[in-house]
Amino acid sequence: MNSTLKNCLTIDVEDYFQVNAFAAHVRQDQWDSFPLRVGNNTHRILDFLDHYNIKATFFVLGWVAERLPGLAHEIHQRGHEIACHGYGHELIFKIGPDKFRADIRRAKMLLEDQTGVRVNGYRAPSYSITRQSIWALDILVEEGFTYDSSIFPIRHDTYGIPDAQRFPHTIQTDAGPLAEFPLTTLLLNLGWKKMHLPIAGGGYLRLLPVEIIRRGIETINTREKQPAVLYFHPWELDPEQPRIKAGVKSTFRHYINLHRTERKLCYLFNKIRFAPMKEVLVQYLK
């Protein structure tokens, strides 16, 4: 493995009841009725990362930051990068340009007021920058963001741009340049066709054997000479979280193998070098 190459570690700071899988069962105006677990879970992650001496990028949801006003500040004080996950965790292609602009502006200002530093990075809820919402990239530039990590080069029932570039690159929008760090996929040549295997984390980390994730990242590092990105959520380290009644598919996606997440992360942290997204982008988009 290339010992000098660093990969991105990212945490999407949202709570268990805010995920898109439960959107049909939990309305946004009901969120305040659920017990918050994201604060304690994020503190666990901060201690966890201190143990491995790893710094990461935290994409913080504005709704969470507003209710836990010291959380983003502590993340920043402990040496991690603060980035934006929007405010209300709504799919971009459903809310449209005007509501999207208001959402990211509100969240960005909130995070910058709490931390005293500029917020440059953005990640869309459920990776919802798709062909339907590619206009969002122009708005991100107009609102002062310099990089995005929302495009997933796969086919999925909610998100994805299957033929998108797989590695960090600069997109020239009408509003100006924007660095894009796509979610990581491993290119598989099956003979009769090629496919992108998602190995970026989240549910894929919980579902796939951790050796596939490790070998995939190392293959990308050594053969393609490119960095990877790994993501997870605070609720994914919380198998004791309250259960929300939902459909079979949503329940499976959310709860599968929660009890294995921490062990898998420990394994990867011992094998792979990680850094915040801003640090890796500077290295690869010179």
C-alpha atoms as a PDB file:
ATOM      1  CA  MET A   1       0.000   0.000   0.000  1.00  0.00           C
ATOM      2  CA  ASN A   2       1.110   3.571  -0.676  1.00  0.00           C
ATOM      3  CA  SER A   3       2.113   4.673   2.824  1.00  0.00           C
ATOM      4  CA  THR A   4       2.073   8.375   1.962  1.00  0.00           C
ATOM      5  CA  LEU A   5      -1.447   8.442   0.532  1.00  0.00           C
ATOM      6  CA  LYS A   6      -4.241   9.566   2.832  1.00  0.00           C
ATOM      7  CA  ASN A   7      -7.932   8.842   2.491  1.00  0.00           C
ATOM      8  CA  CYS A   8     -10.836  10.929   3.763  1.00  0.00           C
ATOM      9  CA  LEU A   9     -12.732  10.043   6.910  1.00  0.00           C
ATOM     10  CA  THR A  10     -16.123  11.743   7.136  1.00  0.00           C
ATOM     11  CA  ILE A  11     -18.961  11.653   9.655  1.00  0.00           C
ATOM     12  CA  ASP A  12     -22.487  12.771   8.759  1.00  0.00           C
ATOM     13  CA  VAL A  13     -23.803  14.206  12.029  1.00  0.00           C
ATOM     14  CA  GLU A  14     -27.527  13.476  12.123  1.00  0.00           C
ATOM     15  CA  ASP A  15     -29.737  11.483  14.474  1.00  0.00           C
ATOM     16  CA  TYR A  16     -31.396   8.107  13.995  1.00  0.00           C
ATOM     17  CA  PHE A  17     -34.904   9.489  13.364  1.00  0.00           C
ATOM     18  CA  GLN A  18     -33.765  11.924  10.646  1.00  0.00           C
ATOM     19  CA  VAL A  19     -32.672   9.452   7.996  1.00  0.00           C
ATOM     20  CA  ASN A  20     -34.399   9.365   4.624  1.00  0.00           C
ATOM     21  CA  ALA A  21     -35.366   5.722   5.164  1.00  0.00           C
ATOM     22  CA  PHE A  22     -37.812   6.874   7.856  1.00  0.00           C
ATOM     23  CA  ALA A  23     -39.056  10.049   6.130  1.00  0.00           C
ATOM     24  CA  ALA A  24     -42.424   8.455   5.355  1.00  0.00           C
ATOM     25  CA  HIS A  25     -42.883   7.511   9.010  1.00  0.00           C
ATOM     26  CA  VAL A  26     -41.358  10.456  10.901  1.00  0.00           C
ATOM     27  CA  ARG A  27     -42.275  13.987   9.831  1.00  0.00           C
ATOM     28  CA  GLN A  28     -39.817  16.812  10.392  1.00  0.00           C
ATOM     29  CA  ASP A  29     -42.271  18.565  12.723  1.00  0.00           C
ATOM     30  CA  GLN A  30     -42.114  15.451  14.939  1.00  0.00           C
ATOM     31  CA  TRP A  31     -38.342  15.442  15.373  1.00  0.00           C
ATOM     32  CA  ASP A  32     -38.385  17.380  18.642  1.00  0.00           C
ATOM     33  CA  SER A  33     -40.510  14.635  20.220  1.00  0.00           C
ATOM     34  CA  PHE A  34     -37.708  12.073  19.861  1.00  0.00           C
ATOM     35  CA  PRO A  35     -34.894  11.733  22.412  1.00  0.00           C
ATOM     36  CA  LEU A  36     -31.631  13.118  21.042  1.00  0.00           C
ATOM     37  CA  ARG A  37     -28.819  10.572  20.979  1.00  0.00           C
ATOM     38  CA  VAL A  38     -26.554  12.277  18.446  1.00  0.00           C
ATOM     39  CA  GLY A  39     -24.733  14.353  21.079  1.00  0.00           C
ATOM     40  CA  ASN A  40     -23.536  11.428  23.184  1.00  0.00           C
ATOM     41  CA  ASN A  41     -22.803   9.334  20.104  1.00  0.00           C
ATOM     42  CA  THR A  42     -20.714  12.111  18.543  1.00  0.00           C
ATOM     43  CA  HIS A  43     -18.735  12.511  21.767  1.00  0.00           C
ATOM     44  CA  ARG A  44     -18.031   8.779  21.648  1.00  0.00           C
ATOM     45  CA  ILE A  45     -16.731   9.202  18.107  1.00  0.00           C
ATOM     46  CA  LEU A  46     -14.481  12.092  19.143  1.00  0.00           C
ATOM     47  CA  ASP A  47     -12.936   9.966  21.903  1.00  0.00           C
ATOM     48  CA  PHE A  48     -12.689   7.047  19.476  1.00  0.00           C
ATOM     49  CA  LEU A  49     -10.779   9.166  16.945  1.00  0.00           C
ATOM     50  CA  ASP A  50      -8.511  10.586  19.652  1.00  0.00           C
ATOM     51  CA  HIS A  51      -7.536   7.021  20.531  1.00  0.00           C
ATOM     52  CA  TYR A  52      -6.381   6.406  16.941  1.00  0.00           C
ATOM     53  CA  ASN A  53      -4.979   9.937  16.491  1.00  0.00           C
ATOM     54  CA  ILE A  54      -7.212  10.483  13.447  1.00  0.00           C
ATOM     55  CA  LYS A  55      -8.713  13.769  12.302  1.00  0.00           C
ATOM     56  CA  ALA A  56     -11.865  13.771  10.196  1.00  0.00           C
ATOM     57  CA  THR A  57     -14.441  15.960   8.483  1.00  0.00           C
ATOM     58  CA  PHE A  58     -17.795  16.236  10.259  1.00  0.00           C
ATOM     59  CA  PHE A  59     -20.717  17.156   7.992  1.00  0.00           C
ATOM     60  CA  VAL A  60     -23.017  18.621  10.635  1.00  0.00           C
ATOM     61  CA  LEU A  61     -26.768  18.961  10.170  1.00  0.00           C
ATOM     62  CA  GLY A  62     -27.937  22.481  11.018  1.00  0.00           C
ATOM     63  CA  TRP A  63     -30.986  21.206  12.922  1.00  0.00           C
ATOM     64  CA  VAL A  64     -28.668  19.267  15.234  1.00  0.00           C
ATOM     65  CA  ALA A  65     -26.258  22.184  15.660  1.00  0.00           C
ATOM     66  CA  GLU A  66     -29.127  24.475  16.621  1.00  0.00           C
ATOM     67  CA  ARG A  67     -30.311  22.150  19.395  1.00  0.00           C
ATOM     68  CA  LEU A  68     -26.815  21.212  20.586  1.00  0.00           C
ATOM     69  CA  PRO A  69     -25.023  24.574  20.200  1.00  0.00           C
ATOM     70  CA  GLY A  70     -21.772  23.414  21.775  1.00  0.00           C
ATOM     71  CA  LEU A  71     -21.328  20.324  19.616  1.00  0.00           C
ATOM     72  CA  ALA A  72     -19.874  21.842  16.431  1.00  0.00           C
ATOM     73  CA  HIS A  73     -17.603  24.063  18.524  1.00  0.00           C
ATOM     74  CA  GLU A  74     -16.214  21.052  20.398  1.00  0.00           C
ATOM     75  CA  ILE A  75     -15.671  19.105  17.171  1.00  0.00           C
ATOM     76  CA  HIS A  76     -13.684  22.057  15.823  1.00  0.00           C
ATOM     77  CA  GLN A  77     -11.756  22.552  19.074  1.00  0.00           C
ATOM     78  CA  ARG A  78     -10.660  18.928  18.979  1.00  0.00           C
ATOM     79  CA  GLY A  79      -8.990  19.452  15.631  1.00  0.00           C
ATOM     80  CA  HIS A  80     -11.550  18.239  13.135  1.00  0.00           C
ATOM     81  CA  GLU A  81     -12.972  19.966  10.072  1.00  0.00           C
ATOM     82  CA  ILE A  82     -16.532  21.300  10.230  1.00  0.00           C
ATOM     83  CA  ALA A  83     -18.554  20.987   7.028  1.00  0.00           C
ATOM     84  CA  CYS A  84     -22.243  21.398   6.219  1.00  0.00           C
ATOM     85  CA  HIS A  85     -24.939  18.731   5.832  1.00  0.00           C
ATOM     86  CA  GLY A  86     -27.682  21.290   5.234  1.00  0.00           C
ATOM     87  CA  TYR A  87     -30.293  22.202   7.805  1.00  0.00           C
ATOM     88  CA  GLY A  88     -33.398  20.050   7.462  1.00  0.00           C
ATOM     89  CA  HIS A  89     -32.128  16.827   5.828  1.00  0.00           C
ATOM     90  CA  GLU A  90     -34.496  17.010   2.874  1.00  0.00           C
ATOM     91  CA  LEU A  91     -33.819  15.498  -0.548  1.00  0.00           C
ATOM     92  CA  ILE A  92     -32.583  18.276  -2.831  1.00  0.00           C
ATOM     93  CA  PHE A  93     -34.445  17.118  -5.923  1.00  0.00           C
ATOM     94  CA  LYS A  94     -37.688  17.294  -3.931  1.00  0.00           C
ATOM     95  CA  ILE A  95     -37.329  20.750  -2.356  1.00  0.00           C
ATOM     96  CA  GLY A  96     -36.145  22.710  -5.405  1.00  0.00           C
ATOM     97  CA  PRO A  97     -33.610  25.548  -5.853  1.00  0.00           C
ATOM     98  CA  ASP A  98     -35.172  28.262  -3.655  1.00  0.00           C
ATOM     99  CA  LYS A  99     -35.701  26.061  -0.607  1.00  0.00           C
ATOM    100  CA  PHE A 100     -32.296  24.463  -1.120  1.00  0.00           C
ATOM    101  CA  ARG A 101     -30.580  27.829  -1.100  1.00  0.00           C
ATOM    102  CA  ALA A 102     -32.381  28.882   2.078  1.00  0.00           C
ATOM    103  CA  ASP A 103     -31.540  25.539   3.714  1.00  0.00           C
ATOM    104  CA  ILE A 104     -27.797  25.641   3.090  1.00  0.00           C
ATOM    105  CA  ARG A 105     -27.518  29.345   3.840  1.00  0.00           C
ATOM    106  CA  ARG A 106     -29.185  28.864   7.225  1.00  0.00           C
ATOM    107  CA  ALA A 107     -26.993  25.893   8.113  1.00  0.00           C
ATOM    108  CA  LYS A 108     -23.728  27.466   6.916  1.00  0.00           C
ATOM    109  CA  MET A 109     -24.295  30.683   8.869  1.00  0.00           C
ATOM    110  CA  LEU A 110     -25.233  28.721  11.989  1.00  0.00           C
ATOM    111  CA  LEU A 111     -22.118  26.544  11.880  1.00  0.00           C
ATOM    112  CA  GLU A 112     -19.830  29.491  11.170  1.00  0.00           C
ATOM    113  CA  ASP A 113     -21.334  31.489  14.055  1.00  0.00           C
ATOM    114  CA  GLN A 114     -20.837  28.559  16.435  1.00  0.00           C
ATOM    115  CA  THR A 115     -17.268  27.714  15.422  1.00  0.00           C
ATOM    116  CA  GLY A 116     -15.849  31.052  14.254  1.00  0.00           C
ATOM    117  CA  VAL A 117     -14.393  29.437  11.122  1.00  0.00           C
ATOM    118  CA  ARG A 118     -15.449  29.412   7.507  1.00  0.00           C
ATOM    119  CA  VAL A 119     -17.373  26.345   6.355  1.00  0.00           C
ATOM    120  CA  ASN A 120     -16.198  25.309   2.897  1.00  0.00           C
ATOM    121  CA  GLY A 121     -17.562  21.791   2.411  1.00  0.00           C
ATOM    122  CA  TYR A 122     -21.032  20.425   1.783  1.00  0.00           C
ATOM    123  CA  ARG A 123     -22.654  16.997   1.587  1.00  0.00           C
ATOM    124  CA  ALA A 124     -26.252  16.567   0.497  1.00  0.00           C
ATOM    125  CA  PRO A 125     -28.731  14.569   2.593  1.00  0.00           C
ATOM    126  CA  SER A 126     -28.833  11.036   1.173  1.00  0.00           C
ATOM    127  CA  TYR A 127     -26.429  12.079  -1.621  1.00  0.00           C
ATOM    128  CA  SER A 128     -29.355  13.738  -3.376  1.00  0.00           C
ATOM    129  CA  ILE A 129     -27.360  15.713  -5.935  1.00  0.00           C
ATOM    130  CA  THR A 130     -28.423  13.690  -8.970  1.00  0.00           C
ATOM    131  CA  ARG A 131     -29.097  14.510 -12.612  1.00  0.00           C
ATOM    132  CA  GLN A 132     -32.425  15.929 -11.410  1.00  0.00           C
ATOM    133  CA  SER A 133     -30.678  18.367  -9.079  1.00  0.00           C
ATOM    134  CA  ILE A 134     -27.337  19.120 -10.727  1.00  0.00           C
ATOM    135  CA  TRP A 135     -28.365  22.791 -10.535  1.00  0.00           C
ATOM    136  CA  ALA A 136     -27.463  22.585  -6.835  1.00  0.00           C
ATOM    137  CA  LEU A 137     -23.759  22.798  -7.669  1.00  0.00           C
ATOM    138  CA  ASP A 138     -24.148  26.360  -8.978  1.00  0.00           C
ATOM    139  CA  ILE A 139     -25.997  27.372  -5.821  1.00  0.00           C
ATOM    140  CA  LEU A 140     -23.278  25.883  -3.630  1.00  0.00           C
ATOM    141  CA  VAL A 141     -20.673  28.074  -5.342  1.00  0.00           C
ATOM    142  CA  GLU A 142     -22.912  31.137  -5.079  1.00  0.00           C
ATOM    143  CA  GLU A 143     -23.348  30.508  -1.340  1.00  0.00           C
ATOM    144  CA  GLY A 144     -19.602  30.332  -0.704  1.00  0.00           C
ATOM    145  CA  PHE A 145     -18.818  26.609  -0.692  1.00  0.00           C
ATOM    146  CA  THR A 146     -15.572  25.502  -2.318  1.00  0.00           C
ATOM    147  CA  TYR A 147     -16.103  21.728  -2.335  1.00  0.00           C
ATOM    148  CA  ASP A 148     -18.870  19.153  -2.379  1.00  0.00           C
ATOM    149  CA  SER A 149     -19.045  15.447  -1.558  1.00  0.00           C
ATOM    150  CA  SER A 150     -22.547  14.464  -2.644  1.00  0.00           C
ATOM    151  CA  ILE A 151     -22.261  12.591  -5.924  1.00  0.00           C
ATOM    152  CA  PHE A 152     -22.346   8.796  -5.734  1.00  0.00           C
ATOM    153  CA  PRO A 153     -21.311   7.069  -9.010  1.00  0.00           C
ATOM    154  CA  ILE A 154     -23.770   4.174  -8.615  1.00  0.00           C
ATOM    155  CA  ARG A 155     -27.340   3.137  -9.433  1.00  0.00           C
ATOM    156  CA  HIS A 156     -29.650   3.405  -6.432  1.00  0.00           C
ATOM    157  CA  ASP A 157     -33.367   3.865  -5.887  1.00  0.00           C
ATOM    158  CA  THR A 158     -32.843   7.271  -4.229  1.00  0.00           C
ATOM    159  CA  TYR A 159     -29.510   8.711  -5.338  1.00  0.00           C
ATOM    160  CA  GLY A 160     -26.604   8.245  -7.720  1.00  0.00           C
ATOM    161  CA  ILE A 161     -25.136   9.343 -11.058  1.00  0.00           C
ATOM    162  CA  PRO A 162     -23.795   6.033 -12.412  1.00  0.00           C
ATOM    163  CA  ASP A 163     -21.464   7.504 -15.040  1.00  0.00           C
ATOM    164  CA  ALA A 164     -20.055  10.309 -12.861  1.00  0.00           C
ATOM    165  CA  GLN A 165     -16.308  10.615 -12.331  1.00  0.00           C
ATOM    166  CA  ARG A 166     -15.114   8.379  -9.499  1.00  0.00           C
ATOM    167  CA  PHE A 167     -12.301  10.474  -8.026  1.00  0.00           C
ATOM    168  CA  PRO A 168     -11.690  14.073  -6.891  1.00  0.00           C
ATOM    169  CA  HIS A 169     -12.020  16.612  -9.693  1.00  0.00           C
ATOM    170  CA  THR A 170     -13.018  20.213 -10.303  1.00  0.00           C
ATOM    171  CA  ILE A 171     -16.418  20.999 -11.787  1.00  0.00           C
ATOM    172  CA  GLN A 172     -16.681  24.252 -13.743  1.00  0.00           C
ATOM    173  CA  THR A 173     -20.172  25.525 -12.903  1.00  0.00           C
ATOM    174  CA  ASP A 174     -21.710  28.680 -14.358  1.00  0.00           C
ATOM    175  CA  ALA A 175     -21.071  30.292 -10.969  1.00  0.00           C
ATOM    176  CA  GLY A 176     -17.416  29.235 -10.778  1.00  0.00           C
ATOM    177  CA  PRO A 177     -15.254  26.197  -9.934  1.00  0.00           C
ATOM    178  CA  LEU A 178     -16.295  23.636  -7.324  1.00  0.00           C
ATOM    179  CA  ALA A 179     -14.160  20.723  -6.137  1.00  0.00           C
ATOM    180  CA  GLU A 180     -16.065  17.436  -6.042  1.00  0.00           C
ATOM    181  CA  PHE A 181     -15.046  14.401  -3.991  1.00  0.00           C
ATOM    182  CA  PRO A 182     -17.397  11.595  -5.084  1.00  0.00           C
ATOM    183  CA  LEU A 183     -18.295   8.730  -2.785  1.00  0.00           C
ATOM    184  CA  THR A 184     -15.937   5.839  -3.330  1.00  0.00           C
ATOM    185  CA  THR A 185     -16.664   2.920  -5.624  1.00  0.00           C
ATOM    186  CA  LEU A 186     -14.480   0.021  -6.691  1.00  0.00           C
ATOM    187  CA  LEU A 187     -14.483  -0.683 -10.423  1.00  0.00           C
ATOM    188  CA  LEU A 188     -15.202  -4.369 -11.042  1.00  0.00           C
ATOM    189  CA  ASN A 189     -14.616  -5.911 -14.463  1.00  0.00           C
ATOM    190  CA  LEU A 190     -16.932  -8.899 -14.659  1.00  0.00           C
ATOM    191  CA  GLY A 191     -16.004  -9.783 -18.217  1.00  0.00           C
ATOM    192  CA  TRP A 192     -19.396  -9.177 -19.770  1.00  0.00           C
ATOM    193  CA  LYS A 193     -19.794  -5.813 -18.033  1.00  0.00           C
ATOM    194  CA  LYS A 194     -18.203  -3.395 -15.619  1.00  0.00           C
ATOM    195  CA  MET A 195     -19.839  -2.252 -12.413  1.00  0.00           C
ATOM    196  CA  HIS A 196     -19.157   0.139  -9.539  1.00  0.00           C
ATOM    197  CA  LEU A 197     -19.184  -1.527  -6.128  1.00  0.00           C
ATOM    198  CA  PRO A 198     -19.955   1.044  -3.401  1.00  0.00           C
ATOM    199  CA  ILE A 199     -17.381   0.758  -0.614  1.00  0.00           C
ATOM    200  CA  ALA A 200     -17.639   4.258   0.881  1.00  0.00           C
ATOM    201  CA  GLY A 201     -19.128   3.226   4.212  1.00  0.00           C
ATOM    202  CA  GLY A 202     -22.517   3.644   5.852  1.00  0.00           C
ATOM    203  CA  GLY A 203     -24.829   0.754   5.094  1.00  0.00           C
ATOM    204  CA  TYR A 204     -22.263  -0.690   2.694  1.00  0.00           C
ATOM    205  CA  LEU A 205     -19.746  -0.896   5.532  1.00  0.00           C
ATOM    206  CA  ARG A 206     -22.298  -2.637   7.737  1.00  0.00           C
ATOM    207  CA  LEU A 207     -23.404  -5.040   5.014  1.00  0.00           C
ATOM    208  CA  LEU A 208     -20.137  -5.988   3.302  1.00  0.00           C
ATOM    209  CA  PRO A 209     -17.282  -7.939   4.913  1.00  0.00           C
ATOM    210  CA  VAL A 210     -14.751  -5.413   6.185  1.00  0.00           C
ATOM    211  CA  GLU A 211     -11.959  -7.115   4.224  1.00  0.00           C
ATOM    212  CA  ILE A 212     -13.717  -6.131   0.988  1.00  0.00           C
ATOM    213  CA  ILE A 213     -13.769  -2.500   2.125  1.00  0.00           C
ATOM    214  CA  ARG A 214     -10.086  -2.584   3.095  1.00  0.00           C
ATOM    215  CA  ARG A 215      -8.904  -4.350  -0.035  1.00  0.00           C
ATOM    216  CA  GLY A 216     -11.038  -2.072  -2.183  1.00  0.00           C
ATOM    217  CA  ILE A 217      -9.542   1.078  -0.675  1.00  0.00           C
ATOM    218  CA  GLU A 218      -6.022  -0.312  -0.930  1.00  0.00           C
ATOM    219  CA  THR A 219      -6.607  -1.252  -4.574  1.00  0.00           C
ATOM    220  CA  ILE A 220      -7.775   2.281  -5.335  1.00  0.00           C
ATOM    221  CA  ASN A 221      -4.750   3.707  -3.513  1.00  0.00           C
ATOM    222  CA  THR A 222      -2.147   1.481  -5.166  1.00  0.00           C
ATOM    223  CA  ARG A 223      -3.465   0.682  -8.642  1.00  0.00           C
ATOM    224  CA  GLU A 224      -5.408   3.849  -9.416  1.00  0.00           C
ATOM    225  CA  LYS A 225      -3.232   6.124  -7.258  1.00  0.00           C
ATOM    226  CA  GLN A 226      -6.323   7.860  -5.904  1.00  0.00           C
ATOM    227  CA  PRO A 227      -7.753   8.582  -2.437  1.00  0.00           C
ATOM    228  CA  ALA A 228     -10.957   7.059  -1.120  1.00  0.00           C
ATOM    229  CA  VAL A 229     -13.588   8.432   1.225  1.00  0.00           C
ATOM    230  CA  LEU A 230     -15.189   6.574   4.117  1.00  0.00           C
ATOM    231  CA  TYR A 231     -18.322   7.828   5.859  1.00  0.00           C
ATOM    232  CA  PHE A 232     -20.536   6.786   8.724  1.00  0.00           C
ATOM    233  CA  HIS A 233     -23.180   8.291  11.020  1.00  0.00           C
ATOM    234  CA  PRO A 234     -23.177   8.581  14.824  1.00  0.00           C
ATOM    235  CA  TRP A 235     -26.313   6.407  15.009  1.00  0.00           C
ATOM    236  CA  GLU A 236     -24.423   3.579  13.290  1.00  0.00           C
ATOM    237  CA  LEU A 237     -22.405   3.075  16.480  1.00  0.00           C
ATOM    238  CA  ASP A 238     -25.571   2.930  18.591  1.00  0.00           C
ATOM    239  CA  PRO A 239     -27.234  -0.507  18.442  1.00  0.00           C
ATOM    240  CA  GLU A 240     -29.373   0.398  21.491  1.00  0.00           C
ATOM    241  CA  GLN A 241     -31.173   3.254  19.696  1.00  0.00           C
ATOM    242  CA  PRO A 242     -34.997   3.254  19.789  1.00  0.00           C
ATOM    243  CA  ARG A 243     -36.665   1.230  17.040  1.00  0.00           C
ATOM    244  CA  ILE A 244     -38.873   3.058  14.562  1.00  0.00           C
ATOM    245  CA  LYS A 245     -41.631   1.116  12.837  1.00  0.00           C
ATOM    246  CA  ALA A 246     -41.113   1.245   9.083  1.00  0.00           C
ATOM    247  CA  GLY A 247     -41.253  -0.951   5.998  1.00  0.00           C
ATOM    248  CA  VAL A 248     -39.132  -4.047   5.555  1.00  0.00           C
ATOM    249  CA  LYS A 249     -36.607  -2.417   3.204  1.00  0.00           C
ATOM    250  CA  SER A 250     -36.141   0.691   5.351  1.00  0.00           C
ATOM    251  CA  THR A 251     -35.840  -1.349   8.531  1.00  0.00           C
ATOM    252  CA  PHE A 252     -33.253  -3.627   6.955  1.00  0.00           C
ATOM    253  CA  ARG A 253     -31.167  -0.734   5.605  1.00  0.00           C
ATOM    254  CA  HIS A 254     -31.112   1.125   8.895  1.00  0.00           C
ATOM    255  CA  TYR A 255     -30.659  -1.611  11.488  1.00  0.00           C
ATOM    256  CA  ILE A 256     -28.564  -4.265   9.738  1.00  0.00           C
ATOM    257  CA  ASN A 257     -25.343  -5.027  11.637  1.00  0.00           C
ATOM    258  CA  LEU A 258     -25.292  -1.910  13.856  1.00  0.00           C
ATOM    259  CA  HIS A 259     -23.524  -4.005  16.467  1.00  0.00           C
ATOM    260  CA  ARG A 260     -20.606  -4.593  14.079  1.00  0.00           C
ATOM    261  CA  THR A 261     -19.888  -1.013  12.993  1.00  0.00           C
ATOM    262  CA  GLU A 262     -17.427  -0.077  15.724  1.00  0.00           C
ATOM    263  CA  ARG A 263     -15.412  -3.257  15.349  1.00  0.00           C
ATOM    264  CA  LYS A 264     -15.164  -2.772  11.595  1.00  0.00           C
ATOM    265  CA  LEU A 265     -14.045   0.834  12.014  1.00  0.00           C
ATOM    266  CA  CYS A 266     -11.359  -0.214  14.498  1.00  0.00           C
ATOM    267  CA  TYR A 267     -10.022  -2.669  11.948  1.00  0.00           C
ATOM    268  CA  LEU A 268      -9.928  -0.051   9.173  1.00  0.00           C
ATOM    269  CA  PHE A 269      -8.353   2.592  11.415  1.00  0.00           C
ATOM    270  CA  ASN A 270      -5.491   0.190  12.123  1.00  0.00           C
ATOM    271  CA  LYS A 271      -4.933  -0.552   8.422  1.00  0.00           C
ATOM    272  CA  ILE A 272      -5.610   2.664   6.474  1.00  0.00           C
ATOM    273  CA  ARG A 273      -4.442   6.274   6.784  1.00  0.00           C
ATOM    274  CA  PHE A 274      -7.194   8.889   7.081  1.00  0.00           C
ATOM    275  CA  ALA A 275      -7.351  12.682   7.126  1.00  0.00           C
ATOM    276  CA  PRO A 276      -9.975  15.449   6.797  1.00  0.00           C
ATOM    277  CA  MET A 277     -11.388  16.071   3.337  1.00  0.00           C
ATOM    278  CA  LYS A 278      -9.911  19.559   3.014  1.00  0.00           C
ATOM    279  CA  GLU A 279      -6.418  18.139   3.547  1.00  0.00           C
ATOM    280  CA  VAL A 280      -6.808  15.405   0.951  1.00  0.00           C
ATOM    281  CA  LEU A 281      -8.365  17.735  -1.623  1.00  0.00           C
ATOM    282  CA  VAL A 282      -5.436  20.148  -1.364  1.00  0.00           C
ATOM    283  CA  GLN A 283      -3.099  17.257  -2.170  1.00  0.00           C
ATOM    284  CA  TYR A 284      -5.059  15.937  -5.172  1.00  0.00           C
ATOM    285  CA  LEU A 285      -6.397  19.119  -6.741  1.00  0.00           C
ATOM    286  CA  LYS A 286      -3.218  21.180  -6.884  1.00  0.00           C
END
